[in-house]
Amino acid sequence: MQYSSGMKATIIKRILPPNEESVTVVNQETGASAQTLYNWKKQAAEGMLDNEASALLPNDRKPGEKLTLLLESKGLDRESRGEWLRSRGLHSEHLPQWEQEMKSCRN
């Protein structure tokens, strides 16, 4: 499976400090293979990943990425959501905006 640079950056941020989520958990939630995640983690540690992905603006994300992020955000309490948003380079206003975009796509 091919991942956009934005999705890849979001996934990498989850497995690197300060988040350091388990590769197993991220694998199960994103579908990225564990080996792919370990490779990305190693590449990030060696500075081999481009910075282009981290410069991706929230509104430049693909619809699938927005949906994934919306779904992730739904299980968070208010306090955790702020940290989660910051770790992904997002602001609270992006979520309702994306939700509205998804609703308008259904119609």
PDB file of N, CA and C in Angstrom:
ATOM      1  N   MET A   1       0.841  -1.180   0.000  1.00  0.00           N
ATOM      2  CA  MET A   1       0.000   0.000   0.000  1.00  0.00           C
ATOM      3  C   MET A   1       0.885   1.241   0.000  1.00  0.00           C
ATOM      4  N   GLN A   2       0.512   2.218  -0.782  1.00  0.00           N
ATOM      5  CA  GLN A   2       1.248   3.471  -0.869  1.00  0.00           C
ATOM      6  C   GLN A   2       0.627   4.488   0.089  1.00  0.00           C
ATOM      7  N   TYR A   3       1.442   5.162   0.864  1.00  0.00           N
ATOM      8  CA  TYR A   3       0.962   6.166   1.809  1.00  0.00           C
ATOM      9  C   TYR A   3       1.394   7.539   1.343  1.00  0.00           C
ATOM     10  N   SER A   4       0.495   8.514   1.448  1.00  0.00           N
ATOM     11  CA  SER A   4       0.857   9.887   1.103  1.00  0.00           C
ATOM     12  C   SER A   4       1.862  10.392   2.132  1.00  0.00           C
ATOM     13  N   SER A   5       2.575  11.427   1.776  1.00  0.00           N
ATOM     14  CA  SER A   5       3.577  11.963   2.702  1.00  0.00           C
ATOM     15  C   SER A   5       2.922  12.471   3.986  1.00  0.00           C
ATOM     16  N   GLY A   6       1.705  13.008   3.881  1.00  0.00           N
ATOM     17  CA  GLY A   6       1.005  13.504   5.069  1.00  0.00           C
ATOM     18  C   GLY A   6       0.615  12.395   6.021  1.00  0.00           C
ATOM     19  N   MET A   7       0.092  11.313   5.460  1.00  0.00           N
ATOM     20  CA  MET A   7      -0.304  10.177   6.292  1.00  0.00           C
ATOM     21  C   MET A   7       0.930   9.535   6.914  1.00  0.00           C
ATOM     22  N   LYS A   8       1.977   9.410   6.126  1.00  0.00           N
ATOM     23  CA  LYS A   8       3.221   8.826   6.622  1.00  0.00           C
ATOM     24  C   LYS A   8       3.763   9.655   7.787  1.00  0.00           C
ATOM     25  N   ALA A   9       3.748  10.982   7.636  1.00  0.00           N
ATOM     26  CA  ALA A   9       4.236  11.865   8.703  1.00  0.00           C
ATOM     27  C   ALA A   9       3.405  11.713   9.970  1.00  0.00           C
ATOM     28  N   THR A  10       2.098  11.600   9.804  1.00  0.00           N
ATOM     29  CA  THR A  10       1.204  11.427  10.953  1.00  0.00           C
ATOM     30  C   THR A  10       1.500  10.114  11.669  1.00  0.00           C
ATOM     31  N   ILE A  11       1.700   9.067  10.903  1.00  0.00           N
ATOM     32  CA  ILE A  11       1.987   7.756  11.489  1.00  0.00           C
ATOM     33  C   ILE A  11       3.338   7.763  12.185  1.00  0.00           C
ATOM     34  N   ILE A  12       4.340   8.340  11.554  1.00  0.00           N
ATOM     35  CA  ILE A  12       5.684   8.385  12.132  1.00  0.00           C
ATOM     36  C   ILE A  12       5.690   9.145  13.452  1.00  0.00           C
ATOM     37  N   LYS A  13       4.957  10.250  13.503  1.00  0.00           N
ATOM     38  CA  LYS A  13       4.893  11.031  14.743  1.00  0.00           C
ATOM     39  C   LYS A  13       4.336  10.199  15.894  1.00  0.00           C
ATOM     40  N   ARG A  14       3.460   9.276  15.582  1.00  0.00           N
ATOM     41  CA  ARG A  14       2.868   8.449  16.629  1.00  0.00           C
ATOM     42  C   ARG A  14       3.872   7.488  17.240  1.00  0.00           C
ATOM     43  N   ILE A  15       4.826   6.986  16.441  1.00  0.00           N
ATOM     44  CA  ILE A  15       5.751   5.973  16.965  1.00  0.00           C
ATOM     45  C   ILE A  15       7.054   6.564  17.484  1.00  0.00           C
ATOM     46  N   LEU A  16       7.271   7.856  17.231  1.00  0.00           N
ATOM     47  CA  LEU A  16       8.486   8.514  17.707  1.00  0.00           C
ATOM     48  C   LEU A  16       8.215   9.278  18.996  1.00  0.00           C
ATOM     49  N   PRO A  17       9.287   9.597  19.762  1.00  0.00           N
ATOM     50  CA  PRO A  17       9.096  10.434  20.950  1.00  0.00           C
ATOM     51  C   PRO A  17       8.513  11.787  20.535  1.00  0.00           C
ATOM     52  N   PRO A  18       7.704  12.400  21.338  1.00  0.00           N
ATOM     53  CA  PRO A  18       7.354  12.033  22.708  1.00  0.00           C
ATOM     54  C   PRO A  18       6.184  11.057  22.794  1.00  0.00           C
ATOM     55  N   ASN A  19       5.513  10.775  21.682  1.00  0.00           N
ATOM     56  CA  ASN A  19       4.329   9.904  21.724  1.00  0.00           C
ATOM     57  C   ASN A  19       4.695   8.451  21.999  1.00  0.00           C
ATOM     58  N   GLU A  20       5.637   7.924  21.240  1.00  0.00           N
ATOM     59  CA  GLU A  20       6.139   6.555  21.380  1.00  0.00           C
ATOM     60  C   GLU A  20       5.034   5.508  21.554  1.00  0.00           C
ATOM     61  N   GLU A  21       4.049   5.582  20.666  1.00  0.00           N
ATOM     62  CA  GLU A  21       3.004   4.567  20.695  1.00  0.00           C
ATOM     63  C   GLU A  21       3.583   3.240  20.214  1.00  0.00           C
ATOM     64  N   SER A  22       3.000   2.180  20.634  1.00  0.00           N
ATOM     65  CA  SER A  22       3.441   0.842  20.264  1.00  0.00           C
ATOM     66  C   SER A  22       3.267   0.624  18.760  1.00  0.00           C
ATOM     67  N   VAL A  23       4.275   0.026  18.140  1.00  0.00           N
ATOM     68  CA  VAL A  23       4.196  -0.303  16.715  1.00  0.00           C
ATOM     69  C   VAL A  23       3.018  -1.242  16.466  1.00  0.00           C
ATOM     70  N   THR A  24       2.773  -2.143  17.372  1.00  0.00           N
ATOM     71  CA  THR A  24       1.661  -3.083  17.235  1.00  0.00           C
ATOM     72  C   THR A  24       0.325  -2.348  17.190  1.00  0.00           C
ATOM     73  N   VAL A  25       0.142  -1.397  18.092  1.00  0.00           N
ATOM     74  CA  VAL A  25      -1.110  -0.632  18.135  1.00  0.00           C
ATOM     75  C   VAL A  25      -1.272   0.189  16.866  1.00  0.00           C
ATOM     76  N   VAL A  26      -0.208   0.893  16.466  1.00  0.00           N
ATOM     77  CA  VAL A  26      -0.274   1.733  15.264  1.00  0.00           C
ATOM     78  C   VAL A  26      -0.510   0.867  14.027  1.00  0.00           C
ATOM     79  N   ASN A  27       0.109  -0.285  13.982  1.00  0.00           N
ATOM     80  CA  ASN A  27      -0.096  -1.236  12.885  1.00  0.00           C
ATOM     81  C   ASN A  27      -1.566  -1.636  12.792  1.00  0.00           C
ATOM     82  N   GLN A  28      -2.162  -1.974  13.925  1.00  0.00           N
ATOM     83  CA  GLN A  28      -3.554  -2.412  13.937  1.00  0.00           C
ATOM     84  C   GLN A  28      -4.504  -1.285  13.547  1.00  0.00           C
ATOM     85  N   GLU A  29      -4.189  -0.058  13.962  1.00  0.00           N
ATOM     86  CA  GLU A  29      -5.083   1.063  13.698  1.00  0.00           C
ATOM     87  C   GLU A  29      -4.936   1.635  12.294  1.00  0.00           C
ATOM     88  N   THR A  30      -3.746   1.543  11.709  1.00  0.00           N
ATOM     89  CA  THR A  30      -3.511   2.177  10.410  1.00  0.00           C
ATOM     90  C   THR A  30      -3.425   1.190   9.255  1.00  0.00           C
ATOM     91  N   GLY A  31      -3.111  -0.051   9.555  1.00  0.00           N
ATOM     92  CA  GLY A  31      -2.940  -1.041   8.495  1.00  0.00           C
ATOM     93  C   GLY A  31      -1.540  -1.066   7.909  1.00  0.00           C
ATOM     94  N   ALA A  32      -0.677  -0.148   8.338  1.00  0.00           N
ATOM     95  CA  ALA A  32       0.725  -0.158   7.888  1.00  0.00           C
ATOM     96  C   ALA A  32       1.409  -1.349   8.557  1.00  0.00           C
ATOM     97  N   SER A  33       2.138  -2.132   7.787  1.00  0.00           N
ATOM     98  CA  SER A  33       2.758  -3.321   8.361  1.00  0.00           C
ATOM     99  C   SER A  33       3.778  -2.940   9.430  1.00  0.00           C
ATOM    100  N   ALA A  34       3.972  -3.841  10.368  1.00  0.00           N
ATOM    101  CA  ALA A  34       4.937  -3.595  11.444  1.00  0.00           C
ATOM    102  C   ALA A  34       6.330  -3.354  10.864  1.00  0.00           C
ATOM    103  N   GLN A  35       6.711  -4.142   9.853  1.00  0.00           N
ATOM    104  CA  GLN A  35       8.038  -3.967   9.244  1.00  0.00           C
ATOM    105  C   GLN A  35       8.172  -2.583   8.609  1.00  0.00           C
ATOM    106  N   THR A  36       7.123  -2.110   7.951  1.00  0.00           N
ATOM    107  CA  THR A  36       7.138  -0.765   7.368  1.00  0.00           C
ATOM    108  C   THR A  36       7.330   0.275   8.461  1.00  0.00           C
ATOM    109  N   LEU A  37       6.614   0.108   9.561  1.00  0.00           N
ATOM    110  CA  LEU A  37       6.727   1.066  10.672  1.00  0.00           C
ATOM    111  C   LEU A  37       8.134   1.074  11.258  1.00  0.00           C
ATOM    112  N   TYR A  38       8.718  -0.113  11.431  1.00  0.00           N
ATOM    113  CA  TYR A  38      10.089  -0.177  11.946  1.00  0.00           C
ATOM    114  C   TYR A  38      11.065   0.461  10.964  1.00  0.00           C
ATOM    115  N   ASN A  39      10.844   0.264   9.673  1.00  0.00           N
ATOM    116  CA  ASN A  39      11.707   0.897   8.661  1.00  0.00           C
ATOM    117  C   ASN A  39      11.598   2.411   8.718  1.00  0.00           C
ATOM    118  N   TRP A  40      10.369   2.926   8.802  1.00  0.00           N
ATOM    119  CA  TRP A  40      10.174   4.373   8.880  1.00  0.00           C
ATOM    120  C   TRP A  40      10.806   4.939  10.142  1.00  0.00           C
ATOM    121  N   LYS A  41      10.666   4.213  11.235  1.00  0.00           N
ATOM    122  CA  LYS A  41      11.241   4.669  12.511  1.00  0.00           C
ATOM    123  C   LYS A  41      12.763   4.755  12.391  1.00  0.00           C
ATOM    124  N   LYS A  42      13.370   3.750  11.777  1.00  0.00           N
ATOM    125  CA  LYS A  42      14.824   3.739  11.588  1.00  0.00           C
ATOM    126  C   LYS A  42      15.256   4.877  10.670  1.00  0.00           C
ATOM    127  N   GLN A  43      14.523   5.072   9.582  1.00  0.00           N
ATOM    128  CA  GLN A  43      14.845   6.151   8.643  1.00  0.00           C
ATOM    129  C   GLN A  43      14.728   7.517   9.314  1.00  0.00           C
ATOM    130  N   ALA A  44      13.709   7.686  10.142  1.00  0.00           N
ATOM    131  CA  ALA A  44      13.536   8.959  10.848  1.00  0.00           C
ATOM    132  C   ALA A  44      14.695   9.193  11.806  1.00  0.00           C
ATOM    133  N   ALA A  45      15.117   8.141  12.504  1.00  0.00           N
ATOM    134  CA  ALA A  45      16.228   8.262  13.453  1.00  0.00           C
ATOM    135  C   ALA A  45      17.531   8.614  12.733  1.00  0.00           C
ATOM    136  N   GLU A  46      17.661   8.137  11.505  1.00  0.00           N
ATOM    137  CA  GLU A  46      18.874   8.401  10.726  1.00  0.00           C
ATOM    138  C   GLU A  46      18.766   9.676   9.897  1.00  0.00           C
ATOM    139  N   GLY A  47      17.642  10.396  10.035  1.00  0.00           N
ATOM    140  CA  GLY A  47      17.450  11.639   9.295  1.00  0.00           C
ATOM    141  C   GLY A  47      17.242  11.428   7.809  1.00  0.00           C
ATOM    142  N   MET A  48      16.774  10.245   7.431  1.00  0.00           N
ATOM    143  CA  MET A  48      16.630   9.924   6.017  1.00  0.00           C
ATOM    144  C   MET A  48      15.253  10.269   5.445  1.00  0.00           C
ATOM    145  N   LEU A  49      14.337  10.724   6.283  1.00  0.00           N
ATOM    146  CA  LEU A  49      13.013  11.074   5.786  1.00  0.00           C
ATOM    147  C   LEU A  49      12.982  12.542   5.421  1.00  0.00           C
ATOM    148  N   ASP A  50      12.216  12.862   4.394  1.00  0.00           N
ATOM    149  CA  ASP A  50      12.135  14.257   3.963  1.00  0.00           C
ATOM    150  C   ASP A  50      11.285  15.067   4.934  1.00  0.00           C
ATOM    151  N   ASN A  51      11.527  16.349   4.977  1.00  0.00           N
ATOM    152  CA  ASN A  51      10.761  17.246   5.846  1.00  0.00           C
ATOM    153  C   ASN A  51       9.493  17.722   5.157  1.00  0.00           C
ATOM    154  N   GLU A  52       9.336  17.377   3.895  1.00  0.00           N
ATOM    155  CA  GLU A  52       8.169  17.782   3.130  1.00  0.00           C
ATOM    156  C   GLU A  52       6.890  17.292   3.783  1.00  0.00           C
ATOM    157  N   ALA A  53       6.912  16.091   4.325  1.00  0.00           N
ATOM    158  CA  ALA A  53       5.720  15.520   4.940  1.00  0.00           C
ATOM    159  C   ALA A  53       5.291  16.306   6.162  1.00  0.00           C
ATOM    160  N   SER A  54       6.223  16.742   6.973  1.00  0.00           N
ATOM    161  CA  SER A  54       5.860  17.466   8.188  1.00  0.00           C
ATOM    162  C   SER A  54       5.390  18.874   7.882  1.00  0.00           C
ATOM    163  N   ALA A  55       5.670  19.373   6.673  1.00  0.00           N
ATOM    164  CA  ALA A  55       5.248  20.714   6.288  1.00  0.00           C
ATOM    165  C   ALA A  55       3.854  20.712   5.672  1.00  0.00           C
ATOM    166  N   LEU A  56       3.235  19.555   5.571  1.00  0.00           N
ATOM    167  CA  LEU A  56       1.920  19.439   4.963  1.00  0.00           C
ATOM    168  C   LEU A  56       0.898  20.207   5.798  1.00  0.00           C
ATOM    169  N   LEU A  57       0.132  21.049   5.139  1.00  0.00           N
ATOM    170  CA  LEU A  57      -0.896  21.817   5.823  1.00  0.00           C
ATOM    171  C   LEU A  57      -2.121  20.936   6.060  1.00  0.00           C
ATOM    172  N   PRO A  58      -2.841  21.167   7.156  1.00  0.00           N
ATOM    173  CA  PRO A  58      -3.996  20.320   7.464  1.00  0.00           C
ATOM    174  C   PRO A  58      -5.014  20.225   6.335  1.00  0.00           C
ATOM    175  N   ASN A  59      -5.268  21.331   5.650  1.00  0.00           N
ATOM    176  CA  ASN A  59      -6.275  21.303   4.591  1.00  0.00           C
ATOM    177  C   ASN A  59      -5.761  20.695   3.296  1.00  0.00           C
ATOM    178  N   ASP A  60      -4.470  20.383   3.231  1.00  0.00           N
ATOM    179  CA  ASP A  60      -3.897  19.727   2.058  1.00  0.00           C
ATOM    180  C   ASP A  60      -3.987  18.207   2.162  1.00  0.00           C
ATOM    181  N   ARG A  61      -4.480  17.719   3.272  1.00  0.00           N
ATOM    182  CA  ARG A  61      -4.559  16.271   3.463  1.00  0.00           C
ATOM    183  C   ARG A  61      -5.647  15.670   2.577  1.00  0.00           C
ATOM    184  N   LYS A  62      -5.446  14.432   2.197  1.00  0.00           N
ATOM    185  CA  LYS A  62      -6.410  13.720   1.353  1.00  0.00           C
ATOM    186  C   LYS A  62      -7.626  13.341   2.189  1.00  0.00           C
ATOM    187  N   PRO A  63      -8.777  13.141   1.541  1.00  0.00           N
ATOM    188  CA  PRO A  63      -9.998  12.798   2.286  1.00  0.00           C
ATOM    189  C   PRO A  63      -9.844  11.573   3.184  1.00  0.00           C
ATOM    190  N   GLY A  64      -9.145  10.560   2.739  1.00  0.00           N
ATOM    191  CA  GLY A  64      -8.950   9.370   3.565  1.00  0.00           C
ATOM    192  C   GLY A  64      -8.170   9.670   4.834  1.00  0.00           C
ATOM    193  N   GLU A  65      -7.170  10.539   4.723  1.00  0.00           N
ATOM    194  CA  GLU A  65      -6.387  10.928   5.900  1.00  0.00           C
ATOM    195  C   GLU A  65      -7.254  11.720   6.864  1.00  0.00           C
ATOM    196  N   LYS A  66      -8.061  12.629   6.309  1.00  0.00           N
ATOM    197  CA  LYS A  66      -8.945  13.430   7.160  1.00  0.00           C
ATOM    198  C   LYS A  66      -9.912  12.518   7.915  1.00  0.00           C
ATOM    199  N   LEU A  67     -10.467  11.540   7.213  1.00  0.00           N
ATOM    200  CA  LEU A  67     -11.404  10.620   7.847  1.00  0.00           C
ATOM    201  C   LEU A  67     -10.719   9.824   8.952  1.00  0.00           C
ATOM    202  N   THR A  68      -9.515   9.338   8.682  1.00  0.00           N
ATOM    203  CA  THR A  68      -8.764   8.590   9.691  1.00  0.00           C
ATOM    204  C   THR A  68      -8.525   9.451  10.927  1.00  0.00           C
ATOM    205  N   LEU A  69      -8.124  10.692  10.718  1.00  0.00           N
ATOM    206  CA  LEU A  69      -7.867  11.593  11.836  1.00  0.00           C
ATOM    207  C   LEU A  69      -9.155  11.922  12.584  1.00  0.00           C
ATOM    208  N   LEU A  70     -10.243  12.119  11.862  1.00  0.00           N
ATOM    209  CA  LEU A  70     -11.538  12.358  12.516  1.00  0.00           C
ATOM    210  C   LEU A  70     -11.927  11.186  13.410  1.00  0.00           C
ATOM    211  N   LEU A  71     -11.767   9.985  12.889  1.00  0.00           N
ATOM    212  CA  LEU A  71     -12.128   8.796  13.666  1.00  0.00           C
ATOM    213  C   LEU A  71     -11.241   8.645  14.893  1.00  0.00           C
ATOM    214  N   GLU A  72      -9.947   8.918  14.739  1.00  0.00           N
ATOM    215  CA  GLU A  72      -9.036   8.860  15.889  1.00  0.00           C
ATOM    216  C   GLU A  72      -9.467   9.845  16.963  1.00  0.00           C
ATOM    217  N   SER A  73      -9.876  11.037  16.549  1.00  0.00           N
ATOM    218  CA  SER A  73     -10.209  12.097  17.506  1.00  0.00           C
ATOM    219  C   SER A  73     -11.469  11.795  18.305  1.00  0.00           C
ATOM    220  N   LYS A  74     -12.352  10.987  17.755  1.00  0.00           N
ATOM    221  CA  LYS A  74     -13.650  10.722  18.408  1.00  0.00           C
ATOM    222  C   LYS A  74     -13.504  10.024  19.754  1.00  0.00           C
ATOM    223  N   GLY A  75     -12.477   9.241  19.934  1.00  0.00           N
ATOM    224  CA  GLY A  75     -12.325   8.499  21.180  1.00  0.00           C
ATOM    225  C   GLY A  75     -11.571   9.249  22.270  1.00  0.00           C
ATOM    226  N   LEU A  76     -11.250  10.509  22.013  1.00  0.00           N
ATOM    227  CA  LEU A  76     -10.438  11.259  22.970  1.00  0.00           C
ATOM    228  C   LEU A  76     -11.291  12.166  23.844  1.00  0.00           C
ATOM    229  N   ASP A  77     -10.896  12.280  25.114  1.00  0.00           N
ATOM    230  CA  ASP A  77     -11.565  13.251  25.965  1.00  0.00           C
ATOM    231  C   ASP A  77     -10.994  14.633  25.643  1.00  0.00           C
ATOM    232  N   ARG A  78     -11.610  15.639  26.162  1.00  0.00           N
ATOM    233  CA  ARG A  78     -11.251  17.032  25.834  1.00  0.00           C
ATOM    234  C   ARG A  78      -9.781  17.339  26.137  1.00  0.00           C
ATOM    235  N   GLU A  79      -9.295  16.855  27.274  1.00  0.00           N
ATOM    236  CA  GLU A  79      -7.909  17.119  27.677  1.00  0.00           C
ATOM    237  C   GLU A  79      -6.910  16.438  26.747  1.00  0.00           C
ATOM    238  N   SER A  80      -7.160  15.194  26.426  1.00  0.00           N
ATOM    239  CA  SER A  80      -6.260  14.434  25.560  1.00  0.00           C
ATOM    240  C   SER A  80      -6.282  14.956  24.132  1.00  0.00           C
ATOM    241  N   ARG A  81      -7.414  15.485  23.714  1.00  0.00           N
ATOM    242  CA  ARG A  81      -7.560  15.952  22.340  1.00  0.00           C
ATOM    243  C   ARG A  81      -6.574  17.074  22.013  1.00  0.00           C
ATOM    244  N   GLY A  82      -6.337  17.987  22.945  1.00  0.00           N
ATOM    245  CA  GLY A  82      -5.401  19.089  22.702  1.00  0.00           C
ATOM    246  C   GLY A  82      -4.000  18.586  22.399  1.00  0.00           C
ATOM    247  N   GLU A  83      -3.534  17.654  23.200  1.00  0.00           N
ATOM    248  CA  GLU A  83      -2.207  17.071  22.976  1.00  0.00           C
ATOM    249  C   GLU A  83      -2.173  16.307  21.658  1.00  0.00           C
ATOM    250  N   TRP A  84      -3.236  15.576  21.393  1.00  0.00           N
ATOM    251  CA  TRP A  84      -3.340  14.809  20.150  1.00  0.00           C
ATOM    252  C   TRP A  84      -3.290  15.745  18.941  1.00  0.00           C
ATOM    253  N   LEU A  85      -4.042  16.845  18.989  1.00  0.00           N
ATOM    254  CA  LEU A  85      -4.041  17.817  17.893  1.00  0.00           C
ATOM    255  C   LEU A  85      -2.645  18.384  17.663  1.00  0.00           C
ATOM    256  N   ARG A  86      -1.989  18.791  18.732  1.00  0.00           N
ATOM    257  CA  ARG A  86      -0.641  19.370  18.604  1.00  0.00           C
ATOM    258  C   ARG A  86       0.338  18.366  18.006  1.00  0.00           C
ATOM    259  N   SER A  87       0.228  17.114  18.417  1.00  0.00           N
ATOM    260  CA  SER A  87       1.166  16.104  17.924  1.00  0.00           C
ATOM    261  C   SER A  87       0.990  15.833  16.432  1.00  0.00           C
ATOM    262  N   ARG A  88      -0.153  16.217  15.888  1.00  0.00           N
ATOM    263  CA  ARG A  88      -0.432  15.998  14.468  1.00  0.00           C
ATOM    264  C   ARG A  88      -0.440  17.289  13.662  1.00  0.00           C
ATOM    265  N   GLY A  89      -0.064  18.402  14.312  1.00  0.00           N
ATOM    266  CA  GLY A  89       0.002  19.683  13.614  1.00  0.00           C
ATOM    267  C   GLY A  89      -1.355  20.227  13.223  1.00  0.00           C
ATOM    268  N   LEU A  90      -2.363  19.964  14.046  1.00  0.00           N
ATOM    269  CA  LEU A  90      -3.727  20.380  13.749  1.00  0.00           C
ATOM    270  C   LEU A  90      -4.230  21.366  14.787  1.00  0.00           C
ATOM    271  N   HIS A  91      -5.329  22.033  14.451  1.00  0.00           N
ATOM    272  CA  HIS A  91      -6.029  22.922  15.383  1.00  0.00           C
ATOM    273  C   HIS A  91      -7.455  22.410  15.532  1.00  0.00           C
ATOM    274  N   SER A  92      -8.084  22.757  16.619  1.00  0.00           N
ATOM    275  CA  SER A  92      -9.423  22.228  16.903  1.00  0.00           C
ATOM    276  C   SER A  92     -10.440  22.558  15.821  1.00  0.00           C
ATOM    277  N   GLU A  93     -10.265  23.666  15.119  1.00  0.00           N
ATOM    278  CA  GLU A  93     -11.246  24.024  14.088  1.00  0.00           C
ATOM    279  C   GLU A  93     -11.185  23.129  12.849  1.00  0.00           C
ATOM    280  N   HIS A  94     -10.097  22.389  12.669  1.00  0.00           N
ATOM    281  CA  HIS A  94      -9.994  21.507  11.509  1.00  0.00           C
ATOM    282  C   HIS A  94     -10.985  20.351  11.583  1.00  0.00           C
ATOM    283  N   LEU A  95     -11.200  19.819  12.760  1.00  0.00           N
ATOM    284  CA  LEU A  95     -12.061  18.639  12.900  1.00  0.00           C
ATOM    285  C   LEU A  95     -13.500  18.905  12.464  1.00  0.00           C
ATOM    286  N   PRO A  96     -14.159  19.957  12.980  1.00  0.00           N
ATOM    287  CA  PRO A  96     -15.536  20.198  12.513  1.00  0.00           C
ATOM    288  C   PRO A  96     -15.595  20.563  11.025  1.00  0.00           C
ATOM    289  N   GLN A  97     -14.564  21.236  10.554  1.00  0.00           N
ATOM    290  CA  GLN A  97     -14.502  21.586   9.134  1.00  0.00           C
ATOM    291  C   GLN A  97     -14.447  20.312   8.281  1.00  0.00           C
ATOM    292  N   TRP A  98     -13.592  19.381   8.664  1.00  0.00           N
ATOM    293  CA  TRP A  98     -13.464  18.129   7.923  1.00  0.00           C
ATOM    294  C   TRP A  98     -14.739  17.302   8.023  1.00  0.00           C
ATOM    295  N   GLU A  99     -15.358  17.327   9.204  1.00  0.00           N
ATOM    296  CA  GLU A  99     -16.599  16.578   9.386  1.00  0.00           C
ATOM    297  C   GLU A  99     -17.672  17.113   8.437  1.00  0.00           C
ATOM    298  N   GLN A 100     -17.739  18.424   8.305  1.00  0.00           N
ATOM    299  CA  GLN A 100     -18.691  19.043   7.388  1.00  0.00           C
ATOM    300  C   GLN A 100     -18.384  18.662   5.943  1.00  0.00           C
ATOM    301  N   GLU A 101     -17.096  18.635   5.596  1.00  0.00           N
ATOM    302  CA  GLU A 101     -16.695  18.217   4.251  1.00  0.00           C
ATOM    303  C   GLU A 101     -17.160  16.790   3.971  1.00  0.00           C
ATOM    304  N   MET A 102     -16.986  15.909   4.954  1.00  0.00           N
ATOM    305  CA  MET A 102     -17.390  14.514   4.775  1.00  0.00           C
ATOM    306  C   MET A 102     -18.896  14.396   4.605  1.00  0.00           C
ATOM    307  N   LYS A 103     -19.657  15.172   5.371  1.00  0.00           N
ATOM    308  CA  LYS A 103     -21.111  15.144   5.264  1.00  0.00           C
ATOM    309  C   LYS A 103     -21.571  15.646   3.899  1.00  0.00           C
ATOM    310  N   SER A 104     -20.910  16.691   3.397  1.00  0.00           N
ATOM    311  CA  SER A 104     -21.312  17.234   2.101  1.00  0.00           C
ATOM    312  C   SER A 104     -20.946  16.287   0.959  1.00  0.00           C
ATOM    313  N   CYS A 105     -19.950  15.444   1.150  1.00  0.00           N
ATOM    314  CA  CYS A 105     -19.571  14.453   0.126  1.00  0.00           C
ATOM    315  C   CYS A 105     -20.606  13.346   0.027  1.00  0.00           C
ATOM    316  N   ARG A 106     -21.281  13.074   1.137  1.00  0.00           N
ATOM    317  CA  ARG A 106     -22.303  12.012   1.164  1.00  0.00           C
ATOM    318  C   ARG A 106     -23.517  12.393   0.349  1.00  0.00           C
ATOM    319  N   ASN A 107     -23.816  13.668   0.308  1.00  0.00           N
ATOM    320  CA  ASN A 107     -25.052  14.129  -0.365  1.00  0.00           C
ATOM    321  C   ASN A 107     -24.877  14.277  -1.845  1.00  0.00           C
TER     322      ASN A 107
END
